[in-house]
Amino acid sequence: QIRKLRPHLFHMPDKEPPRVIMVTSALPSEGKTIIASNLAISIARGEDQYVLLVECDLRKPSMYNLFKYPPSKGVAEILQGTAEVADCLIKTPIEKLTVLPAGREAPANPSELLESKKMSTLIQELAQRYKDRFVILDTSPIQATVDPKIIADQVEAIIMVARYRYTRESDFKMALEALPRNKIVGTVL
């Protein structure tokens, strides 16, 4: 099913494929990280493109469980000024896929860090430094935090994730209203 998502992004009518993509959902436990990770793998393998998968859920990082690396420095430390991007990148067993983890520990002020000018600068730096690379941002859920709303302004496309028989229609609609509609390219159920 993920393979069906990739061509949708790469063959949108009258548009270049988006290079900076945010994956989010209305509620926790809807599968955002699984979708973001598998989309990144699919682009790296299927399109033979470089992909940087950025974990932006600073409160509950979980990507280290999927890719089997120890909790590592990442976005939180970069935003706090205690680490550089190059020091935090993790190579995966998948050729052309690199992960930028959320951070070793959840910071005391995740929303403030993500709202800071440093976050928009980081996203711009990642997009411009790697012009031949896709950047996929895995964010926290919209109903739980303001983080995705902050990040949405910095991306080219947004993919919403909804969990079958779990996500209520009212929660999903409220989440959609919080995001710029023109950037939403689709929903994964």
C-alpha atoms as a PDB file:
ATOM      1  CA  GLN A   1       0.000   0.000   0.000  1.00  0.00           C
ATOM      2  CA  ILE A   2       2.906   2.356   0.673  1.00  0.00           C
ATOM      3  CA  ARG A   3       4.025   1.839  -2.907  1.00  0.00           C
ATOM      4  CA  LYS A   4       0.704   3.381  -3.987  1.00  0.00           C
ATOM      5  CA  LEU A   5       1.408   6.482  -1.915  1.00  0.00           C
ATOM      6  CA  ARG A   6       4.802   7.158  -3.500  1.00  0.00           C
ATOM      7  CA  PRO A   7       3.544   7.499  -7.116  1.00  0.00           C
ATOM      8  CA  HIS A   8       0.804   9.841  -5.885  1.00  0.00           C
ATOM      9  CA  LEU A   9       3.503  12.212  -4.606  1.00  0.00           C
ATOM     10  CA  PHE A  10       5.718  11.858  -7.655  1.00  0.00           C
ATOM     11  CA  HIS A  11       3.018  12.246 -10.282  1.00  0.00           C
ATOM     12  CA  MET A  12       0.791  15.072  -9.104  1.00  0.00           C
ATOM     13  CA  PRO A  13      -0.687  16.940 -12.066  1.00  0.00           C
ATOM     14  CA  ASP A  14       1.084  20.216 -12.912  1.00  0.00           C
ATOM     15  CA  LYS A  15       3.388  19.981  -9.900  1.00  0.00           C
ATOM     16  CA  GLU A  16       6.932  19.006  -9.117  1.00  0.00           C
ATOM     17  CA  PRO A  17       7.187  16.330  -6.411  1.00  0.00           C
ATOM     18  CA  PRO A  18       7.296  18.001  -2.989  1.00  0.00           C
ATOM     19  CA  ARG A  19      10.752  17.746  -1.394  1.00  0.00           C
ATOM     20  CA  VAL A  20       9.818  18.649   2.208  1.00  0.00           C
ATOM     21  CA  ILE A  21       6.893  16.537   3.424  1.00  0.00           C
ATOM     22  CA  MET A  22       5.250  16.478   6.850  1.00  0.00           C
ATOM     23  CA  VAL A  23       3.405  13.387   8.112  1.00  0.00           C
ATOM     24  CA  THR A  24       0.949  13.990  10.935  1.00  0.00           C
ATOM     25  CA  SER A  25      -2.404  12.873  12.381  1.00  0.00           C
ATOM     26  CA  ALA A  26      -5.148  14.119  14.650  1.00  0.00           C
ATOM     27  CA  LEU A  27      -4.492  11.797  17.606  1.00  0.00           C
ATOM     28  CA  PRO A  28      -1.673   9.740  19.120  1.00  0.00           C
ATOM     29  CA  SER A  29      -1.221   6.088  18.036  1.00  0.00           C
ATOM     30  CA  GLU A  30      -2.571   6.508  14.504  1.00  0.00           C
ATOM     31  CA  GLY A  31       0.574   5.279  12.752  1.00  0.00           C
ATOM     32  CA  LYS A  32       2.362   8.491  11.718  1.00  0.00           C
ATOM     33  CA  THR A  33       5.839   7.152  12.412  1.00  0.00           C
ATOM     34  CA  ILE A  34       5.157   3.885  10.568  1.00  0.00           C
ATOM     35  CA  ILE A  35       3.821   5.765   7.524  1.00  0.00           C
ATOM     36  CA  ALA A  36       6.633   8.350   7.545  1.00  0.00           C
ATOM     37  CA  SER A  37       9.303   5.649   7.910  1.00  0.00           C
ATOM     38  CA  ASN A  38       7.861   3.395   5.238  1.00  0.00           C
ATOM     39  CA  LEU A  39       7.344   6.304   2.849  1.00  0.00           C
ATOM     40  CA  ALA A  40      10.993   7.269   3.355  1.00  0.00           C
ATOM     41  CA  ILE A  41      12.104   3.680   2.693  1.00  0.00           C
ATOM     42  CA  SER A  42       9.859   3.493  -0.375  1.00  0.00           C
ATOM     43  CA  ILE A  43      11.286   6.708  -1.874  1.00  0.00           C
ATOM     44  CA  ALA A  44      14.871   5.624  -1.137  1.00  0.00           C
ATOM     45  CA  ARG A  45      14.364   2.218  -2.727  1.00  0.00           C
ATOM     46  CA  GLY A  46      11.673   2.774  -5.356  1.00  0.00           C
ATOM     47  CA  GLU A  47      12.714   6.177  -6.674  1.00  0.00           C
ATOM     48  CA  ASP A  48      16.406   5.660  -5.903  1.00  0.00           C
ATOM     49  CA  GLN A  49      16.467   9.065  -4.208  1.00  0.00           C
ATOM     50  CA  TYR A  50      18.220  10.238  -1.046  1.00  0.00           C
ATOM     51  CA  VAL A  51      15.850  10.696   1.882  1.00  0.00           C
ATOM     52  CA  LEU A  52      16.362  12.356   5.243  1.00  0.00           C
ATOM     53  CA  LEU A  53      13.769  11.222   7.782  1.00  0.00           C
ATOM     54  CA  VAL A  54      13.480  13.801  10.578  1.00  0.00           C
ATOM     55  CA  GLU A  55      11.781  12.861  13.838  1.00  0.00           C
ATOM     56  CA  CYS A  56      10.042  16.003  15.088  1.00  0.00           C
ATOM     57  CA  ASP A  57       8.025  14.398  17.886  1.00  0.00           C
ATOM     58  CA  LEU A  58      10.287  15.620  20.671  1.00  0.00           C
ATOM     59  CA  ARG A  59       7.944  14.412  23.425  1.00  0.00           C
ATOM     60  CA  LYS A  60       7.659  10.735  22.519  1.00  0.00           C
ATOM     61  CA  PRO A  61      10.465   9.703  20.182  1.00  0.00           C
ATOM     62  CA  SER A  62       9.990   6.159  18.904  1.00  0.00           C
ATOM     63  CA  MET A  63      11.921   5.928  15.666  1.00  0.00           C
ATOM     64  CA  TYR A  64      14.911   4.341  17.422  1.00  0.00           C
ATOM     65  CA  ASN A  65      12.699   1.287  18.036  1.00  0.00           C
ATOM     66  CA  LEU A  66      11.949   0.936  14.320  1.00  0.00           C
ATOM     67  CA  PHE A  67      15.494   1.437  13.060  1.00  0.00           C
ATOM     68  CA  LYS A  68      17.218  -0.199  16.058  1.00  0.00           C
ATOM     69  CA  TYR A  69      19.627   2.528  17.136  1.00  0.00           C
ATOM     70  CA  PRO A  70      20.224   3.714  20.712  1.00  0.00           C
ATOM     71  CA  PRO A  71      18.557   6.982  21.778  1.00  0.00           C
ATOM     72  CA  SER A  72      20.826   9.595  20.184  1.00  0.00           C
ATOM     73  CA  LYS A  73      21.386  13.333  19.938  1.00  0.00           C
ATOM     74  CA  GLY A  74      19.118  14.963  17.414  1.00  0.00           C
ATOM     75  CA  VAL A  75      16.669  17.774  16.725  1.00  0.00           C
ATOM     76  CA  ALA A  76      16.316  18.781  20.409  1.00  0.00           C
ATOM     77  CA  GLU A  77      20.062  19.163  20.892  1.00  0.00           C
ATOM     78  CA  ILE A  78      20.452  21.028  17.578  1.00  0.00           C
ATOM     79  CA  LEU A  79      17.732  23.507  18.593  1.00  0.00           C
ATOM     80  CA  GLN A  80      19.317  23.919  22.044  1.00  0.00           C
ATOM     81  CA  GLY A  81      22.661  24.666  20.407  1.00  0.00           C
ATOM     82  CA  THR A  82      24.524  21.683  21.905  1.00  0.00           C
ATOM     83  CA  ALA A  83      24.906  19.670  18.677  1.00  0.00           C
ATOM     84  CA  GLU A  84      25.396  20.125  14.940  1.00  0.00           C
ATOM     85  CA  VAL A  85      23.315  18.405  12.239  1.00  0.00           C
ATOM     86  CA  ALA A  86      26.275  16.390  10.944  1.00  0.00           C
ATOM     87  CA  ASP A  87      26.903  14.951  14.435  1.00  0.00           C
ATOM     88  CA  CYS A  88      23.328  13.686  14.767  1.00  0.00           C
ATOM     89  CA  LEU A  89      22.674  11.935  11.439  1.00  0.00           C
ATOM     90  CA  ILE A  90      22.238   8.169  11.603  1.00  0.00           C
ATOM     91  CA  LYS A  91      22.825   5.968   8.579  1.00  0.00           C
ATOM     92  CA  THR A  92      20.300   3.167   8.211  1.00  0.00           C
ATOM     93  CA  PRO A  93      20.739  -0.259   6.619  1.00  0.00           C
ATOM     94  CA  ILE A  94      18.614   1.076   3.751  1.00  0.00           C
ATOM     95  CA  GLU A  95      20.856   2.646   1.142  1.00  0.00           C
ATOM     96  CA  LYS A  96      20.141   6.379   0.623  1.00  0.00           C
ATOM     97  CA  LEU A  97      18.093   6.696   3.847  1.00  0.00           C
ATOM     98  CA  THR A  98      19.383   8.729   6.794  1.00  0.00           C
ATOM     99  CA  VAL A  99      17.580   9.503  10.058  1.00  0.00           C
ATOM    100  CA  LEU A 100      17.787  12.661  12.144  1.00  0.00           C
ATOM    101  CA  PRO A 101      16.408  11.554  15.531  1.00  0.00           C
ATOM    102  CA  ALA A 102      14.328  13.688  17.894  1.00  0.00           C
ATOM    103  CA  GLY A 103      16.978  13.668  20.582  1.00  0.00           C
ATOM    104  CA  ARG A 104      18.411  11.687  23.425  1.00  0.00           C
ATOM    105  CA  GLU A 105      15.830  12.891  25.976  1.00  0.00           C
ATOM    106  CA  ALA A 106      12.578  14.841  25.757  1.00  0.00           C
ATOM    107  CA  PRO A 107      13.352  18.524  26.394  1.00  0.00           C
ATOM    108  CA  ALA A 108      11.465  20.480  29.051  1.00  0.00           C
ATOM    109  CA  ASN A 109      10.117  22.933  26.466  1.00  0.00           C
ATOM    110  CA  PRO A 110       9.461  21.115  23.161  1.00  0.00           C
ATOM    111  CA  SER A 111       6.873  23.578  21.807  1.00  0.00           C
ATOM    112  CA  GLU A 112       9.102  26.555  22.542  1.00  0.00           C
ATOM    113  CA  LEU A 113      11.993  24.875  20.748  1.00  0.00           C
ATOM    114  CA  LEU A 114       9.867  24.056  17.697  1.00  0.00           C
ATOM    115  CA  GLU A 115       8.335  27.558  17.663  1.00  0.00           C
ATOM    116  CA  SER A 116      11.751  29.171  17.741  1.00  0.00           C
ATOM    117  CA  LYS A 117      13.393  30.701  14.683  1.00  0.00           C
ATOM    118  CA  LYS A 118      15.972  27.921  15.000  1.00  0.00           C
ATOM    119  CA  MET A 119      13.414  25.291  13.889  1.00  0.00           C
ATOM    120  CA  SER A 120      12.445  27.120  10.704  1.00  0.00           C
ATOM    121  CA  THR A 121      16.146  27.735  10.072  1.00  0.00           C
ATOM    122  CA  LEU A 122      16.852  24.016  10.601  1.00  0.00           C
ATOM    123  CA  ILE A 123      14.165  22.931   8.114  1.00  0.00           C
ATOM    124  CA  GLN A 124      15.384  25.479   5.548  1.00  0.00           C
ATOM    125  CA  GLU A 125      18.975  24.340   6.090  1.00  0.00           C
ATOM    126  CA  LEU A 126      18.056  20.673   5.624  1.00  0.00           C
ATOM    127  CA  ALA A 127      16.062  21.427   2.468  1.00  0.00           C
ATOM    128  CA  GLN A 128      18.753  23.675   0.952  1.00  0.00           C
ATOM    129  CA  ARG A 129      21.809  21.709   2.042  1.00  0.00           C
ATOM    130  CA  TYR A 130      20.492  18.584   0.365  1.00  0.00           C
ATOM    131  CA  LYS A 131      18.855  19.828  -2.834  1.00  0.00           C
ATOM    132  CA  ASP A 132      18.840  16.305  -4.255  1.00  0.00           C
ATOM    133  CA  ARG A 133      17.242  14.865  -1.116  1.00  0.00           C
ATOM    134  CA  PHE A 134      13.693  14.438   0.129  1.00  0.00           C
ATOM    135  CA  VAL A 135      13.075  15.531   3.710  1.00  0.00           C
ATOM    136  CA  ILE A 136      10.249  13.751   5.541  1.00  0.00           C
ATOM    137  CA  LEU A 137       9.190  15.180   8.897  1.00  0.00           C
ATOM    138  CA  ASP A 138       7.424  12.883  11.352  1.00  0.00           C
ATOM    139  CA  THR A 139       5.529  15.139  13.779  1.00  0.00           C
ATOM    140  CA  SER A 140       3.449  14.750  16.897  1.00  0.00           C
ATOM    141  CA  PRO A 141      -0.378  14.599  16.641  1.00  0.00           C
ATOM    142  CA  ILE A 142      -2.271  17.849  16.044  1.00  0.00           C
ATOM    143  CA  GLN A 143      -4.825  17.427  18.842  1.00  0.00           C
ATOM    144  CA  ALA A 144      -2.096  16.732  21.412  1.00  0.00           C
ATOM    145  CA  THR A 145       0.318  19.590  20.648  1.00  0.00           C
ATOM    146  CA  VAL A 146       0.762  22.771  18.632  1.00  0.00           C
ATOM    147  CA  ASP A 147       3.993  21.437  17.118  1.00  0.00           C
ATOM    148  CA  PRO A 148       2.581  20.285  13.730  1.00  0.00           C
ATOM    149  CA  LYS A 149       0.831  23.639  13.241  1.00  0.00           C
ATOM    150  CA  ILE A 150       4.172  25.391  13.723  1.00  0.00           C
ATOM    151  CA  ILE A 151       6.034  23.063  11.360  1.00  0.00           C
ATOM    152  CA  ALA A 152       3.282  23.136   8.683  1.00  0.00           C
ATOM    153  CA  ASP A 153       4.362  26.590   7.523  1.00  0.00           C
ATOM    154  CA  GLN A 154       7.850  25.285   6.703  1.00  0.00           C
ATOM    155  CA  VAL A 155       6.891  22.313   4.498  1.00  0.00           C
ATOM    156  CA  GLU A 156       5.764  21.873   0.898  1.00  0.00           C
ATOM    157  CA  ALA A 157       3.272  19.041   1.486  1.00  0.00           C
ATOM    158  CA  ILE A 158       1.357  17.423   4.342  1.00  0.00           C
ATOM    159  CA  ILE A 159       0.125  13.842   4.580  1.00  0.00           C
ATOM    160  CA  MET A 160      -2.582  13.140   7.162  1.00  0.00           C
ATOM    161  CA  VAL A 161      -2.767   9.715   8.782  1.00  0.00           C
ATOM    162  CA  ALA A 162      -6.032   8.341  10.184  1.00  0.00           C
ATOM    163  CA  ARG A 163      -6.393   5.002  11.932  1.00  0.00           C
ATOM    164  CA  TYR A 164      -9.296   2.804  10.843  1.00  0.00           C
ATOM    165  CA  ARG A 165     -12.019   2.461  13.517  1.00  0.00           C
ATOM    166  CA  TYR A 166     -10.020   4.681  15.857  1.00  0.00           C
ATOM    167  CA  THR A 167     -10.045   8.248  14.555  1.00  0.00           C
ATOM    168  CA  ARG A 168     -13.330  10.054  15.046  1.00  0.00           C
ATOM    169  CA  GLU A 169     -14.548  12.174  12.165  1.00  0.00           C
ATOM    170  CA  SER A 170     -14.818  15.259  14.405  1.00  0.00           C
ATOM    171  CA  ASP A 171     -11.176  14.919  15.527  1.00  0.00           C
ATOM    172  CA  PHE A 172     -10.031  14.474  11.947  1.00  0.00           C
ATOM    173  CA  LYS A 173     -11.960  17.529  10.729  1.00  0.00           C
ATOM    174  CA  MET A 174     -10.626  19.641  13.603  1.00  0.00           C
ATOM    175  CA  ALA A 175      -7.079  18.582  12.719  1.00  0.00           C
ATOM    176  CA  LEU A 176      -7.619  19.472   9.052  1.00  0.00           C
ATOM    177  CA  GLU A 177      -8.872  22.924  10.015  1.00  0.00           C
ATOM    178  CA  ALA A 178      -5.651  23.560  11.949  1.00  0.00           C
ATOM    179  CA  LEU A 179      -3.483  23.008   8.870  1.00  0.00           C
ATOM    180  CA  PRO A 180      -3.030  24.949   5.625  1.00  0.00           C
ATOM    181  CA  ARG A 181      -5.423  23.155   3.236  1.00  0.00           C
ATOM    182  CA  ASN A 182      -3.390  23.944   0.130  1.00  0.00           C
ATOM    183  CA  LYS A 183      -0.475  21.880   1.481  1.00  0.00           C
ATOM    184  CA  ILE A 184      -2.464  18.721   2.296  1.00  0.00           C
ATOM    185  CA  VAL A 185      -1.767  16.276  -0.525  1.00  0.00           C
ATOM    186  CA  GLY A 186      -3.689  13.323   0.863  1.00  0.00           C
ATOM    187  CA  THR A 187      -4.769  11.076   3.691  1.00  0.00           C
ATOM    188  CA  VAL A 188      -3.548   7.616   4.565  1.00  0.00           C
ATOM    189  CA  LEU A 189      -6.126   5.437   6.274  1.00  0.00           C
END
